[in-house]
Amino acid sequence: MSEHSGSSGSSGYSERDVQREVTELQGKSATAAQLFDIRRIIGGLFVVYGVIVTLAGITASDSEIDKAEGVNINLWTGLGMLALGAFFLAWLWLRPTPPPVDAERPAEKGSE
């Protein structure tokens, strides 16, 4: 009975297997964080809606423009939305989300 009490092999996983699993999960977590970055969502939505509103402004009739006192509001709003969406996507591209910091590593460095 004493031979199994201190052994990590009784669960079927070695320390190397556990470390490999932890590393894989950290990689998946970093990928998910980058995929669901709020800048990507906001930028994508503004670009999609900006395209729709810009097309509505391009195809606007004279009577629709006259209702807005001669300003093609759909065109200008759509272009503004496109610019804002492009800003968010450029920000995401220029400043990607940093990978998460492992909480155990700074503690190990401090103890050495």
Protein backbone atom coordinates (compact mmCIF):
# COMPACT_ATOMS: atom_id res chain seq x y z
CA MET A 1 0.00 0.00 0.00
CA SER A 2 2.88 2.40 0.67
CA GLU A 3 4.25 1.93 -2.84
CA HIS A 4 1.14 3.55 -4.38
CA SER A 5 0.62 6.37 -1.87
CA GLY A 6 3.51 8.57 -3.05
CA SER A 7 3.42 7.61 -6.71
CA SER A 8 1.96 9.99 -9.29
CA GLY A 9 1.73 7.02 -11.69
CA SER A 10 -1.34 5.62 -9.92
CA SER A 11 -3.59 8.11 -11.74
CA GLY A 12 -2.12 7.10 -15.11
CA TYR A 13 -0.57 10.51 -15.84
CA SER A 14 3.06 11.44 -15.51
CA GLU A 15 4.28 14.94 -14.69
CA ARG A 16 5.29 15.35 -18.35
CA ASP A 17 1.74 14.49 -19.51
CA VAL A 18 0.24 17.03 -17.14
CA GLN A 19 2.66 19.76 -18.28
CA ARG A 20 1.91 18.97 -21.94
CA GLU A 21 -1.85 19.23 -21.30
CA VAL A 22 -1.41 22.52 -19.44
CA THR A 23 0.68 23.93 -22.30
CA GLU A 24 -1.94 22.88 -24.87
CA LEU A 25 -4.75 24.47 -22.84
CA GLN A 26 -2.78 27.71 -22.49
CA GLY A 27 -2.29 27.80 -26.25
CA LYS A 28 -6.01 27.26 -26.84
CA SER A 29 -6.83 29.97 -24.30
CA ALA A 30 -4.56 32.47 -26.06
CA THR A 31 -6.13 31.62 -29.43
CA ALA A 32 -9.65 32.06 -28.02
CA ALA A 33 -8.68 35.39 -26.44
CA GLN A 34 -7.40 36.66 -29.78
CA LEU A 35 -10.39 35.31 -31.69
CA PHE A 36 -12.96 36.96 -29.41
CA ASP A 37 -11.11 40.24 -28.97
CA ILE A 38 -13.76 42.98 -28.69
CA ARG A 39 -11.94 45.11 -31.27
CA ARG A 40 -12.47 42.40 -33.88
CA ILE A 41 -16.19 42.18 -33.12
CA ILE A 42 -16.78 45.95 -33.05
CA GLY A 43 -14.63 46.58 -36.12
CA GLY A 44 -16.30 43.80 -38.09
CA LEU A 45 -19.80 44.98 -37.24
CA PHE A 46 -19.04 48.59 -38.12
CA VAL A 47 -17.54 47.54 -41.46
CA VAL A 48 -20.55 45.36 -42.34
CA TYR A 49 -23.11 47.99 -41.33
CA GLY A 50 -21.00 50.71 -42.93
CA VAL A 51 -21.09 48.89 -46.27
CA ILE A 52 -24.86 48.49 -46.04
CA VAL A 53 -25.51 52.12 -45.11
CA THR A 54 -23.01 53.41 -47.71
CA LEU A 55 -24.76 51.41 -50.43
CA ALA A 56 -28.09 52.85 -49.27
CA GLY A 57 -26.54 56.32 -49.57
CA ILE A 58 -25.13 55.67 -53.03
CA THR A 59 -28.50 54.44 -54.30
CA ALA A 60 -30.52 57.20 -52.58
CA SER A 61 -33.04 59.04 -54.70
CA ASP A 62 -33.30 62.83 -54.93
CA SER A 63 -36.46 62.81 -52.83
CA GLU A 64 -34.69 60.96 -50.01
CA ILE A 65 -31.82 63.45 -50.10
CA ASP A 66 -34.29 66.37 -50.09
CA LYS A 67 -35.88 64.96 -46.91
CA ALA A 68 -32.50 65.42 -45.21
CA GLU A 69 -32.24 69.03 -46.44
CA GLY A 70 -29.89 68.18 -49.28
CA VAL A 71 -27.43 66.07 -47.28
CA ASN A 72 -26.92 62.45 -48.25
CA ILE A 73 -26.91 61.35 -44.61
CA ASN A 74 -26.75 57.63 -45.40
CA LEU A 75 -23.63 58.09 -47.49
CA TRP A 76 -21.82 60.17 -44.86
CA THR A 77 -22.90 57.95 -41.99
CA GLY A 78 -21.86 54.83 -43.89
CA LEU A 79 -18.45 56.28 -44.69
CA GLY A 80 -17.99 57.24 -41.04
CA MET A 81 -18.93 53.73 -39.95
CA LEU A 82 -16.47 52.25 -42.45
CA ALA A 83 -13.72 54.52 -41.15
CA LEU A 84 -14.44 53.58 -37.53
CA GLY A 85 -14.54 49.87 -38.37
CA ALA A 86 -11.26 50.17 -40.28
CA PHE A 87 -9.76 51.96 -37.26
CA PHE A 88 -10.70 49.12 -34.90
CA LEU A 89 -9.39 46.45 -37.27
CA ALA A 90 -6.14 48.37 -37.85
CA TRP A 91 -5.74 48.77 -34.09
CA LEU A 92 -6.19 45.02 -33.69
CA TRP A 93 -3.63 44.33 -36.41
CA LEU A 94 -1.06 46.83 -35.09
CA ARG A 95 -1.48 45.92 -31.40
CA PRO A 96 -2.46 42.23 -31.14
CA THR A 97 -3.58 40.79 -27.83
CA PRO A 98 -0.54 39.66 -25.82
CA PRO A 99 -0.49 36.02 -24.73
CA PRO A 100 -1.62 35.42 -21.14
CA VAL A 101 1.13 35.45 -18.51
CA ASP A 102 1.66 32.16 -16.71
CA ALA A 103 1.06 32.74 -12.99
CA GLU A 104 3.51 30.00 -11.91
CA ARG A 105 6.58 31.23 -13.79
CA PRO A 106 7.09 34.59 -11.99
CA ALA A 107 6.85 32.77 -8.64
CA GLU A 108 9.48 30.24 -9.76
CA LYS A 109 11.82 32.99 -10.97
CA GLY A 110 11.54 34.81 -7.65
CA SER A 111 12.39 31.68 -5.66
CA GLU A 112 15.56 30.90 -7.63
